[in-house]
Amino acid sequence: RLYGVAPDEPWSYVVAAAAFVVISGMAC
């Protein structure tokens, strides 16, 4: 179902991880 996005492409992982770092900072 993906187009123009590879499963191992790092950008999506970086964005998701950064979102969790920000959310964890706000939650704590």
mmCIF file of all heavy atoms, coordinates in Angstrom:
data_MODEL
# 
_entry.id   MODEL 
# 
loop_
_atom_site.group_PDB 
_atom_site.id 
_atom_site.type_symbol 
_atom_site.label_atom_id 
_atom_site.label_alt_id 
_atom_site.label_comp_id 
_atom_site.label_asym_id 
_atom_site.label_entity_id 
_atom_site.label_seq_id 
_atom_site.pdbx_PDB_ins_code 
_atom_site.Cartn_x 
_atom_site.Cartn_y 
_atom_site.Cartn_z 
_atom_site.occupancy 
_atom_site.B_iso_or_equiv 
_atom_site.pdbx_formal_charge 
_atom_site.auth_seq_id 
_atom_site.auth_comp_id 
_atom_site.auth_asym_id 
_atom_site.auth_atom_id 
_atom_site.pdbx_PDB_model_num 
ATOM 1   N N   . ARG A 1 1  ? 0.810  -1.217 0.000  1.00 0.00 ? 1  ARG A N   1 
ATOM 2   C CA  . ARG A 1 1  ? 0.000  0.000  0.000  1.00 0.00 ? 1  ARG A CA  1 
ATOM 3   C C   . ARG A 1 1  ? 0.848  1.274  0.000  1.00 0.00 ? 1  ARG A C   1 
ATOM 4   O O   . ARG A 1 1  ? 0.308  2.371  -0.040 1.00 0.00 ? 1  ARG A O   1 
ATOM 5   C CB  . ARG A 1 1  ? -0.922 0.033  1.217  1.00 0.00 ? 1  ARG A CB  1 
ATOM 6   C CG  . ARG A 1 1  ? -1.984 -1.054 1.195  1.00 0.00 ? 1  ARG A CG  1 
ATOM 7   C CD  . ARG A 1 1  ? -2.907 -0.928 2.388  1.00 0.00 ? 1  ARG A CD  1 
ATOM 8   N NE  . ARG A 1 1  ? -3.980 -1.900 2.341  1.00 0.00 ? 1  ARG A NE  1 
ATOM 9   C CZ  . ARG A 1 1  ? -5.144 -1.712 1.750  1.00 0.00 ? 1  ARG A CZ  1 
ATOM 10  N NH1 . ARG A 1 1  ? -5.377 -0.567 1.145  1.00 0.00 ? 1  ARG A NH1 1 
ATOM 11  N NH2 . ARG A 1 1  ? -6.065 -2.642 1.758  1.00 0.00 ? 1  ARG A NH2 1 
ATOM 12  N N   . LEU A 1 2  ? 2.159  1.118  0.068  1.00 0.00 ? 2  LEU A N   1 
ATOM 13  C CA  . LEU A 1 2  ? 3.040  2.280  0.141  1.00 0.00 ? 2  LEU A CA  1 
ATOM 14  C C   . LEU A 1 2  ? 3.459  2.707  -1.257 1.00 0.00 ? 2  LEU A C   1 
ATOM 15  O O   . LEU A 1 2  ? 3.639  1.881  -2.147 1.00 0.00 ? 2  LEU A O   1 
ATOM 16  C CB  . LEU A 1 2  ? 4.269  1.968  0.986  1.00 0.00 ? 2  LEU A CB  1 
ATOM 17  C CG  . LEU A 1 2  ? 4.026  1.547  2.439  1.00 0.00 ? 2  LEU A CG  1 
ATOM 18  C CD1 . LEU A 1 2  ? 5.350  1.233  3.126  1.00 0.00 ? 2  LEU A CD1 1 
ATOM 19  C CD2 . LEU A 1 2  ? 3.266  2.622  3.204  1.00 0.00 ? 2  LEU A CD2 1 
ATOM 20  N N   . TYR A 1 3  ? 3.628  4.012  -1.437 1.00 0.00 ? 3  TYR A N   1 
ATOM 21  C CA  . TYR A 1 3  ? 4.152  4.539  -2.703 1.00 0.00 ? 3  TYR A CA  1 
ATOM 22  C C   . TYR A 1 3  ? 5.129  5.662  -2.386 1.00 0.00 ? 3  TYR A C   1 
ATOM 23  O O   . TYR A 1 3  ? 4.807  6.618  -1.665 1.00 0.00 ? 3  TYR A O   1 
ATOM 24  C CB  . TYR A 1 3  ? 3.027  5.079  -3.588 1.00 0.00 ? 3  TYR A CB  1 
ATOM 25  C CG  . TYR A 1 3  ? 3.553  5.769  -4.821 1.00 0.00 ? 3  TYR A CG  1 
ATOM 26  C CD1 . TYR A 1 3  ? 4.147  5.029  -5.845 1.00 0.00 ? 3  TYR A CD1 1 
ATOM 27  C CD2 . TYR A 1 3  ? 3.500  7.150  -4.953 1.00 0.00 ? 3  TYR A CD2 1 
ATOM 28  C CE1 . TYR A 1 3  ? 4.658  5.652  -6.962 1.00 0.00 ? 3  TYR A CE1 1 
ATOM 29  C CE2 . TYR A 1 3  ? 4.003  7.781  -6.079 1.00 0.00 ? 3  TYR A CE2 1 
ATOM 30  C CZ  . TYR A 1 3  ? 4.581  7.024  -7.076 1.00 0.00 ? 3  TYR A CZ  1 
ATOM 31  O OH  . TYR A 1 3  ? 5.098  7.651  -8.177 1.00 0.00 ? 3  TYR A OH  1 
ATOM 32  N N   . GLY A 1 4  ? 6.327  5.534  -2.909 1.00 0.00 ? 4  GLY A N   1 
ATOM 33  C CA  . GLY A 1 4  ? 7.348  6.552  -2.669 1.00 0.00 ? 4  GLY A CA  1 
ATOM 34  C C   . GLY A 1 4  ? 7.935  6.491  -1.279 1.00 0.00 ? 4  GLY A C   1 
ATOM 35  O O   . GLY A 1 4  ? 8.677  7.388  -0.877 1.00 0.00 ? 4  GLY A O   1 
ATOM 36  N N   . VAL A 1 5  ? 7.623  5.451  -0.519 1.00 0.00 ? 5  VAL A N   1 
ATOM 37  C CA  . VAL A 1 5  ? 8.133  5.281  0.846  1.00 0.00 ? 5  VAL A CA  1 
ATOM 38  C C   . VAL A 1 5  ? 8.564  3.831  1.002  1.00 0.00 ? 5  VAL A C   1 
ATOM 39  O O   . VAL A 1 5  ? 7.754  2.922  0.828  1.00 0.00 ? 5  VAL A O   1 
ATOM 40  C CB  . VAL A 1 5  ? 7.061  5.618  1.908  1.00 0.00 ? 5  VAL A CB  1 
ATOM 41  C CG1 . VAL A 1 5  ? 7.651  5.492  3.309  1.00 0.00 ? 5  VAL A CG1 1 
ATOM 42  C CG2 . VAL A 1 5  ? 6.496  7.008  1.695  1.00 0.00 ? 5  VAL A CG2 1 
ATOM 43  N N   . ALA A 1 6  ? 9.832  3.617  1.316  1.00 0.00 ? 6  ALA A N   1 
ATOM 44  C CA  . ALA A 1 6  ? 10.335 2.261  1.525  1.00 0.00 ? 6  ALA A CA  1 
ATOM 45  C C   . ALA A 1 6  ? 10.164 1.867  2.986  1.00 0.00 ? 6  ALA A C   1 
ATOM 46  O O   . ALA A 1 6  ? 10.256 2.720  3.881  1.00 0.00 ? 6  ALA A O   1 
ATOM 47  C CB  . ALA A 1 6  ? 11.812 2.178  1.127  1.00 0.00 ? 6  ALA A CB  1 
ATOM 48  N N   . PRO A 1 7  ? 9.907  0.583  3.275  1.00 0.00 ? 7  PRO A N   1 
ATOM 49  C CA  . PRO A 1 7  ? 9.738  0.168  4.671  1.00 0.00 ? 7  PRO A CA  1 
ATOM 50  C C   . PRO A 1 7  ? 10.955 0.453  5.549  1.00 0.00 ? 7  PRO A C   1 
ATOM 51  O O   . PRO A 1 7  ? 10.818 0.659  6.759  1.00 0.00 ? 7  PRO A O   1 
ATOM 52  C CB  . PRO A 1 7  ? 9.485  -1.348 4.556  1.00 0.00 ? 7  PRO A CB  1 
ATOM 53  C CG  . PRO A 1 7  ? 8.965  -1.547 3.181  1.00 0.00 ? 7  PRO A CG  1 
ATOM 54  C CD  . PRO A 1 7  ? 9.657  -0.515 2.330  1.00 0.00 ? 7  PRO A CD  1 
ATOM 55  N N   . ASP A 1 8  ? 12.156 0.448  4.952  1.00 0.00 ? 8  ASP A N   1 
ATOM 56  C CA  . ASP A 1 8  ? 13.364 0.704  5.732  1.00 0.00 ? 8  ASP A CA  1 
ATOM 57  C C   . ASP A 1 8  ? 13.866 2.139  5.595  1.00 0.00 ? 8  ASP A C   1 
ATOM 58  O O   . ASP A 1 8  ? 14.981 2.459  6.017  1.00 0.00 ? 8  ASP A O   1 
ATOM 59  C CB  . ASP A 1 8  ? 14.470 -0.264 5.315  1.00 0.00 ? 8  ASP A CB  1 
ATOM 60  C CG  . ASP A 1 8  ? 14.780 -0.180 3.824  1.00 0.00 ? 8  ASP A CG  1 
ATOM 61  O OD1 . ASP A 1 8  ? 14.051 0.532  3.096  1.00 0.00 ? 8  ASP A OD1 1 
ATOM 62  O OD2 . ASP A 1 8  ? 15.751 -0.833 3.391  1.00 0.00 ? 8  ASP A OD2 1 
ATOM 63  N N   . GLU A 1 9  ? 13.056 3.007  5.013  1.00 0.00 ? 9  GLU A N   1 
ATOM 64  C CA  . GLU A 1 9  ? 13.442 4.420  4.865  1.00 0.00 ? 9  GLU A CA  1 
ATOM 65  C C   . GLU A 1 9  ? 13.401 5.088  6.245  1.00 0.00 ? 9  GLU A C   1 
ATOM 66  O O   . GLU A 1 9  ? 12.395 5.006  6.953  1.00 0.00 ? 9  GLU A O   1 
ATOM 67  C CB  . GLU A 1 9  ? 12.482 5.091  3.879  1.00 0.00 ? 9  GLU A CB  1 
ATOM 68  C CG  . GLU A 1 9  ? 12.872 6.495  3.475  1.00 0.00 ? 9  GLU A CG  1 
ATOM 69  C CD  . GLU A 1 9  ? 12.198 7.517  4.384  1.00 0.00 ? 9  GLU A CD  1 
ATOM 70  O OE1 . GLU A 1 9  ? 11.169 7.195  4.979  1.00 0.00 ? 9  GLU A OE1 1 
ATOM 71  O OE2 . GLU A 1 9  ? 12.727 8.626  4.484  1.00 0.00 ? 9  GLU A OE2 1 
ATOM 72  N N   . PRO A 1 10 ? 14.501 5.721  6.692  1.00 0.00 ? 10 PRO A N   1 
ATOM 73  C CA  . PRO A 1 10 ? 14.613 6.146  8.091  1.00 0.00 ? 10 PRO A CA  1 
ATOM 74  C C   . PRO A 1 10 ? 13.764 7.355  8.479  1.00 0.00 ? 10 PRO A C   1 
ATOM 75  O O   . PRO A 1 10 ? 13.490 7.556  9.665  1.00 0.00 ? 10 PRO A O   1 
ATOM 76  C CB  . PRO A 1 10 ? 16.107 6.476  8.227  1.00 0.00 ? 10 PRO A CB  1 
ATOM 77  C CG  . PRO A 1 10 ? 16.544 6.852  6.848  1.00 0.00 ? 10 PRO A CG  1 
ATOM 78  C CD  . PRO A 1 10 ? 15.729 6.004  5.919  1.00 0.00 ? 10 PRO A CD  1 
ATOM 79  N N   . TRP A 1 11 ? 13.338 8.167  7.511  1.00 0.00 ? 11 TRP A N   1 
ATOM 80  C CA  . TRP A 1 11 ? 12.701 9.433  7.862  1.00 0.00 ? 11 TRP A CA  1 
ATOM 81  C C   . TRP A 1 11 ? 11.452 9.224  8.700  1.00 0.00 ? 11 TRP A C   1 
ATOM 82  O O   . TRP A 1 11 ? 11.225 9.935  9.689  1.00 0.00 ? 11 TRP A O   1 
ATOM 83  C CB  . TRP A 1 11 ? 12.364 10.209 6.583  1.00 0.00 ? 11 TRP A CB  1 
ATOM 84  C CG  . TRP A 1 11 ? 12.054 11.643 6.815  1.00 0.00 ? 11 TRP A CG  1 
ATOM 85  C CD1 . TRP A 1 11 ? 12.942 12.669 6.887  1.00 0.00 ? 11 TRP A CD1 1 
ATOM 86  C CD2 . TRP A 1 11 ? 10.752 12.226 7.021  1.00 0.00 ? 11 TRP A CD2 1 
ATOM 87  N NE1 . TRP A 1 11 ? 12.281 13.857 7.114  1.00 0.00 ? 11 TRP A NE1 1 
ATOM 88  C CE2 . TRP A 1 11 ? 10.940 13.613 7.198  1.00 0.00 ? 11 TRP A CE2 1 
ATOM 89  C CE3 . TRP A 1 11 ? 9.466  11.713 7.064  1.00 0.00 ? 11 TRP A CE3 1 
ATOM 90  C CZ2 . TRP A 1 11 ? 9.882  14.474 7.424  1.00 0.00 ? 11 TRP A CZ2 1 
ATOM 91  C CZ3 . TRP A 1 11 ? 8.400  12.580 7.287  1.00 0.00 ? 11 TRP A CZ3 1 
ATOM 92  C CH2 . TRP A 1 11 ? 8.618  13.941 7.470  1.00 0.00 ? 11 TRP A CH2 1 
ATOM 93  N N   . SER A 1 12 ? 10.617 8.257  8.353  1.00 0.00 ? 12 SER A N   1 
ATOM 94  C CA  . SER A 1 12 ? 9.375  8.013  9.098  1.00 0.00 ? 12 SER A CA  1 
ATOM 95  C C   . SER A 1 12 ? 9.676  7.584  10.526 1.00 0.00 ? 12 SER A C   1 
ATOM 96  O O   . SER A 1 12 ? 8.985  7.991  11.471 1.00 0.00 ? 12 SER A O   1 
ATOM 97  C CB  . SER A 1 12 ? 8.534  6.944  8.397  1.00 0.00 ? 12 SER A CB  1 
ATOM 98  O OG  . SER A 1 12 ? 8.163  7.366  7.099  1.00 0.00 ? 12 SER A OG  1 
ATOM 99  N N   . TYR A 1 13 ? 10.720 6.776  10.701 1.00 0.00 ? 13 TYR A N   1 
ATOM 100 C CA  . TYR A 1 13 ? 11.087 6.322  12.046 1.00 0.00 ? 13 TYR A CA  1 
ATOM 101 C C   . TYR A 1 13 ? 11.606 7.483  12.884 1.00 0.00 ? 13 TYR A C   1 
ATOM 102 O O   . TYR A 1 13 ? 11.300 7.583  14.086 1.00 0.00 ? 13 TYR A O   1 
ATOM 103 C CB  . TYR A 1 13 ? 12.149 5.219  11.950 1.00 0.00 ? 13 TYR A CB  1 
ATOM 104 C CG  . TYR A 1 13 ? 11.680 3.988  11.218 1.00 0.00 ? 13 TYR A CG  1 
ATOM 105 C CD1 . TYR A 1 13 ? 11.882 3.853  9.840  1.00 0.00 ? 13 TYR A CD1 1 
ATOM 106 C CD2 . TYR A 1 13 ? 11.032 2.958  11.887 1.00 0.00 ? 13 TYR A CD2 1 
ATOM 107 C CE1 . TYR A 1 13 ? 11.450 2.726  9.162  1.00 0.00 ? 13 TYR A CE1 1 
ATOM 108 C CE2 . TYR A 1 13 ? 10.599 1.827  11.206 1.00 0.00 ? 13 TYR A CE2 1 
ATOM 109 C CZ  . TYR A 1 13 ? 10.813 1.716  9.845  1.00 0.00 ? 13 TYR A CZ  1 
ATOM 110 O OH  . TYR A 1 13 ? 10.373 0.610  9.172  1.00 0.00 ? 13 TYR A OH  1 
ATOM 111 N N   . VAL A 1 14 ? 12.391 8.352  12.264 1.00 0.00 ? 14 VAL A N   1 
ATOM 112 C CA  . VAL A 1 14 ? 12.929 9.507  12.990 1.00 0.00 ? 14 VAL A CA  1 
ATOM 113 C C   . VAL A 1 14 ? 11.797 10.428 13.440 1.00 0.00 ? 14 VAL A C   1 
ATOM 114 O O   . VAL A 1 14 ? 11.772 10.898 14.581 1.00 0.00 ? 14 VAL A O   1 
ATOM 115 C CB  . VAL A 1 14 ? 13.939 10.270 12.103 1.00 0.00 ? 14 VAL A CB  1 
ATOM 116 C CG1 . VAL A 1 14 ? 14.340 11.588 12.759 1.00 0.00 ? 14 VAL A CG1 1 
ATOM 117 C CG2 . VAL A 1 14 ? 15.170 9.416  11.841 1.00 0.00 ? 14 VAL A CG2 1 
ATOM 118 N N   . VAL A 1 15 ? 10.843 10.696 12.545 1.00 0.00 ? 15 VAL A N   1 
ATOM 119 C CA  . VAL A 1 15 ? 9.712  11.557 12.889 1.00 0.00 ? 15 VAL A CA  1 
ATOM 120 C C   . VAL A 1 15 ? 8.895  10.964 14.029 1.00 0.00 ? 15 VAL A C   1 
ATOM 121 O O   . VAL A 1 15 ? 8.535  11.655 14.995 1.00 0.00 ? 15 VAL A O   1 
ATOM 122 C CB  . VAL A 1 15 ? 8.812  11.797 11.655 1.00 0.00 ? 15 VAL A CB  1 
ATOM 123 C CG1 . VAL A 1 15 ? 7.512  12.481 12.042 1.00 0.00 ? 15 VAL A CG1 1 
ATOM 124 C CG2 . VAL A 1 15 ? 9.550  12.646 10.628 1.00 0.00 ? 15 VAL A CG2 1 
ATOM 125 N N   . ALA A 1 16 ? 8.596  9.663  13.937 1.00 0.00 ? 16 ALA A N   1 
ATOM 126 C CA  . ALA A 1 16 ? 7.802  9.017  14.983 1.00 0.00 ? 16 ALA A CA  1 
ATOM 127 C C   . ALA A 1 16 ? 8.539  9.011  16.319 1.00 0.00 ? 16 ALA A C   1 
ATOM 128 O O   . ALA A 1 16 ? 7.951  9.301  17.372 1.00 0.00 ? 16 ALA A O   1 
ATOM 129 C CB  . ALA A 1 16 ? 7.449  7.591  14.564 1.00 0.00 ? 16 ALA A CB  1 
ATOM 130 N N   . ALA A 1 17 ? 9.837  8.689  16.289 1.00 0.00 ? 17 ALA A N   1 
ATOM 131 C CA  . ALA A 1 17 ? 10.614 8.668  17.527 1.00 0.00 ? 17 ALA A CA  1 
ATOM 132 C C   . ALA A 1 17 ? 10.718 10.072 18.133 1.00 0.00 ? 17 ALA A C   1 
ATOM 133 O O   . ALA A 1 17 ? 10.610 10.247 19.350 1.00 0.00 ? 17 ALA A O   1 
ATOM 134 C CB  . ALA A 1 17 ? 12.000 8.102  17.260 1.00 0.00 ? 17 ALA A CB  1 
ATOM 135 N N   . ALA A 1 18 ? 10.933 11.076 17.281 1.00 0.00 ? 18 ALA A N   1 
ATOM 136 C CA  . ALA A 1 18 ? 11.012 12.458 17.776 1.00 0.00 ? 18 ALA A CA  1 
ATOM 137 C C   . ALA A 1 18 ? 9.688  12.877 18.403 1.00 0.00 ? 18 ALA A C   1 
ATOM 138 O O   . ALA A 1 18 ? 9.665  13.580 19.433 1.00 0.00 ? 18 ALA A O   1 
ATOM 139 C CB  . ALA A 1 18 ? 11.379 13.399 16.627 1.00 0.00 ? 18 ALA A CB  1 
ATOM 140 N N   . ALA A 1 19 ? 8.568  12.450 17.796 1.00 0.00 ? 19 ALA A N   1 
ATOM 141 C CA  . ALA A 1 19 ? 7.261  12.772 18.378 1.00 0.00 ? 19 ALA A CA  1 
ATOM 142 C C   . ALA A 1 19 ? 7.132  12.178 19.768 1.00 0.00 ? 19 ALA A C   1 
ATOM 143 O O   . ALA A 1 19 ? 6.603  12.831 20.690 1.00 0.00 ? 19 ALA A O   1 
ATOM 144 C CB  . ALA A 1 19 ? 6.145  12.255 17.476 1.00 0.00 ? 19 ALA A CB  1 
ATOM 145 N N   . PHE A 1 20 ? 7.631  10.975 19.968 1.00 0.00 ? 20 PHE A N   1 
ATOM 146 C CA  . PHE A 1 20 ? 7.539  10.354 21.288 1.00 0.00 ? 20 PHE A CA  1 
ATOM 147 C C   . PHE A 1 20 ? 8.468  11.024 22.288 1.00 0.00 ? 20 PHE A C   1 
ATOM 148 O O   . PHE A 1 20 ? 8.133  11.109 23.474 1.00 0.00 ? 20 PHE A O   1 
ATOM 149 C CB  . PHE A 1 20 ? 7.847  8.859  21.194 1.00 0.00 ? 20 PHE A CB  1 
ATOM 150 C CG  . PHE A 1 20 ? 6.601  8.027  21.143 1.00 0.00 ? 20 PHE A CG  1 
ATOM 151 C CD1 . PHE A 1 20 ? 6.075  7.647  19.936 1.00 0.00 ? 20 PHE A CD1 1 
ATOM 152 C CD2 . PHE A 1 20 ? 5.936  7.675  22.298 1.00 0.00 ? 20 PHE A CD2 1 
ATOM 153 C CE1 . PHE A 1 20 ? 4.915  6.911  19.868 1.00 0.00 ? 20 PHE A CE1 1 
ATOM 154 C CE2 . PHE A 1 20 ? 4.781  6.939  22.256 1.00 0.00 ? 20 PHE A CE2 1 
ATOM 155 C CZ  . PHE A 1 20 ? 4.255  6.547  21.038 1.00 0.00 ? 20 PHE A CZ  1 
ATOM 156 N N   . VAL A 1 21 ? 9.618  11.467 21.848 1.00 0.00 ? 21 VAL A N   1 
ATOM 157 C CA  . VAL A 1 21 ? 10.510 12.194 22.758 1.00 0.00 ? 21 VAL A CA  1 
ATOM 158 C C   . VAL A 1 21 ? 9.841  13.475 23.241 1.00 0.00 ? 21 VAL A C   1 
ATOM 159 O O   . VAL A 1 21 ? 9.862  13.808 24.435 1.00 0.00 ? 21 VAL A O   1 
ATOM 160 C CB  . VAL A 1 21 ? 11.847 12.498 22.058 1.00 0.00 ? 21 VAL A CB  1 
ATOM 161 C CG1 . VAL A 1 21 ? 12.694 13.452 22.910 1.00 0.00 ? 21 VAL A CG1 1 
ATOM 162 C CG2 . VAL A 1 21 ? 12.613 11.204 21.787 1.00 0.00 ? 21 VAL A CG2 1 
ATOM 163 N N   . VAL A 1 22 ? 9.207  14.202 22.308 1.00 0.00 ? 22 VAL A N   1 
ATOM 164 C CA  . VAL A 1 22 ? 8.514  15.436 22.683 1.00 0.00 ? 22 VAL A CA  1 
ATOM 165 C C   . VAL A 1 22 ? 7.332  15.140 23.605 1.00 0.00 ? 22 VAL A C   1 
ATOM 166 O O   . VAL A 1 22 ? 7.139  15.800 24.638 1.00 0.00 ? 22 VAL A O   1 
ATOM 167 C CB  . VAL A 1 22 ? 8.039  16.182 21.420 1.00 0.00 ? 22 VAL A CB  1 
ATOM 168 C CG1 . VAL A 1 22 ? 7.170  17.380 21.798 1.00 0.00 ? 22 VAL A CG1 1 
ATOM 169 C CG2 . VAL A 1 22 ? 9.228  16.640 20.598 1.00 0.00 ? 22 VAL A CG2 1 
ATOM 170 N N   . ILE A 1 23 ? 6.533  14.127 23.248 1.00 0.00 ? 23 ILE A N   1 
ATOM 171 C CA  . ILE A 1 23 ? 5.365  13.782 24.058 1.00 0.00 ? 23 ILE A CA  1 
ATOM 172 C C   . ILE A 1 23 ? 5.784  13.324 25.447 1.00 0.00 ? 23 ILE A C   1 
ATOM 173 O O   . ILE A 1 23 ? 5.158  13.683 26.459 1.00 0.00 ? 23 ILE A O   1 
ATOM 174 C CB  . ILE A 1 23 ? 4.531  12.688 23.350 1.00 0.00 ? 23 ILE A CB  1 
ATOM 175 C CG1 . ILE A 1 23 ? 3.849  13.268 22.124 1.00 0.00 ? 23 ILE A CG1 1 
ATOM 176 C CG2 . ILE A 1 23 ? 3.488  12.104 24.296 1.00 0.00 ? 23 ILE A CG2 1 
ATOM 177 C CD1 . ILE A 1 23 ? 2.842  14.349 22.412 1.00 0.00 ? 23 ILE A CD1 1 
ATOM 178 N N   . SER A 1 24 ? 6.845  12.529 25.530 1.00 0.00 ? 24 SER A N   1 
ATOM 179 C CA  . SER A 1 24 ? 7.314  12.066 26.841 1.00 0.00 ? 24 SER A CA  1 
ATOM 180 C C   . SER A 1 24 ? 7.800  13.232 27.690 1.00 0.00 ? 24 SER A C   1 
ATOM 181 O O   . SER A 1 24 ? 7.567  13.274 28.907 1.00 0.00 ? 24 SER A O   1 
ATOM 182 C CB  . SER A 1 24 ? 8.423  11.036 26.664 1.00 0.00 ? 24 SER A CB  1 
ATOM 183 O OG  . SER A 1 24 ? 9.562  11.610 26.029 1.00 0.00 ? 24 SER A OG  1 
ATOM 184 N N   . GLY A 1 25 ? 8.459  14.200 27.040 1.00 0.00 ? 25 GLY A N   1 
ATOM 185 C CA  . GLY A 1 25 ? 8.885  15.385 27.786 1.00 0.00 ? 25 GLY A CA  1 
ATOM 186 C C   . GLY A 1 25 ? 7.712  16.177 28.336 1.00 0.00 ? 25 GLY A C   1 
ATOM 187 O O   . GLY A 1 25 ? 7.725  16.637 29.490 1.00 0.00 ? 25 GLY A O   1 
ATOM 188 N N   . MET A 1 26 ? 6.661  16.321 27.526 1.00 0.00 ? 26 MET A N   1 
ATOM 189 C CA  . MET A 1 26 ? 5.470  17.029 27.980 1.00 0.00 ? 26 MET A CA  1 
ATOM 190 C C   . MET A 1 26 ? 4.749  16.262 29.090 1.00 0.00 ? 26 MET A C   1 
ATOM 191 O O   . MET A 1 26 ? 4.263  16.843 30.067 1.00 0.00 ? 26 MET A O   1 
ATOM 192 C CB  . MET A 1 26 ? 4.523  17.247 26.793 1.00 0.00 ? 26 MET A CB  1 
ATOM 193 C CG  . MET A 1 26 ? 5.082  18.159 25.710 1.00 0.00 ? 26 MET A CG  1 
ATOM 194 S SD  . MET A 1 26 ? 4.034  18.230 24.231 1.00 0.00 ? 26 MET A SD  1 
ATOM 195 C CE  . MET A 1 26 ? 2.521  18.894 24.929 1.00 0.00 ? 26 MET A CE  1 
ATOM 196 N N   . ALA A 1 27 ? 4.694  14.927 28.940 1.00 0.00 ? 27 ALA A N   1 
ATOM 197 C CA  . ALA A 1 27 ? 3.987  14.120 29.931 1.00 0.00 ? 27 ALA A CA  1 
ATOM 198 C C   . ALA A 1 27 ? 4.705  14.116 31.277 1.00 0.00 ? 27 ALA A C   1 
ATOM 199 O O   . ALA A 1 27 ? 4.069  13.961 32.331 1.00 0.00 ? 27 ALA A O   1 
ATOM 200 C CB  . ALA A 1 27 ? 3.844  12.685 29.419 1.00 0.00 ? 27 ALA A CB  1 
ATOM 201 N N   . CYS A 1 28 ? 6.020  14.270 31.260 1.00 0.00 ? 28 CYS A N   1 
ATOM 202 C CA  . CYS A 1 28 ? 6.801  14.191 32.497 1.00 0.00 ? 28 CYS A CA  1 
ATOM 203 C C   . CYS A 1 28 ? 7.138  15.556 33.083 1.00 0.00 ? 28 CYS A C   1 
ATOM 204 O O   . CYS A 1 28 ? 7.842  15.644 34.097 1.00 0.00 ? 28 CYS A O   1 
ATOM 205 C CB  . CYS A 1 28 ? 8.101  13.425 32.238 1.00 0.00 ? 28 CYS A CB  1 
ATOM 206 S SG  . CYS A 1 28 ? 7.795  11.760 31.618 1.00 0.00 ? 28 CYS A SG  1 
# 
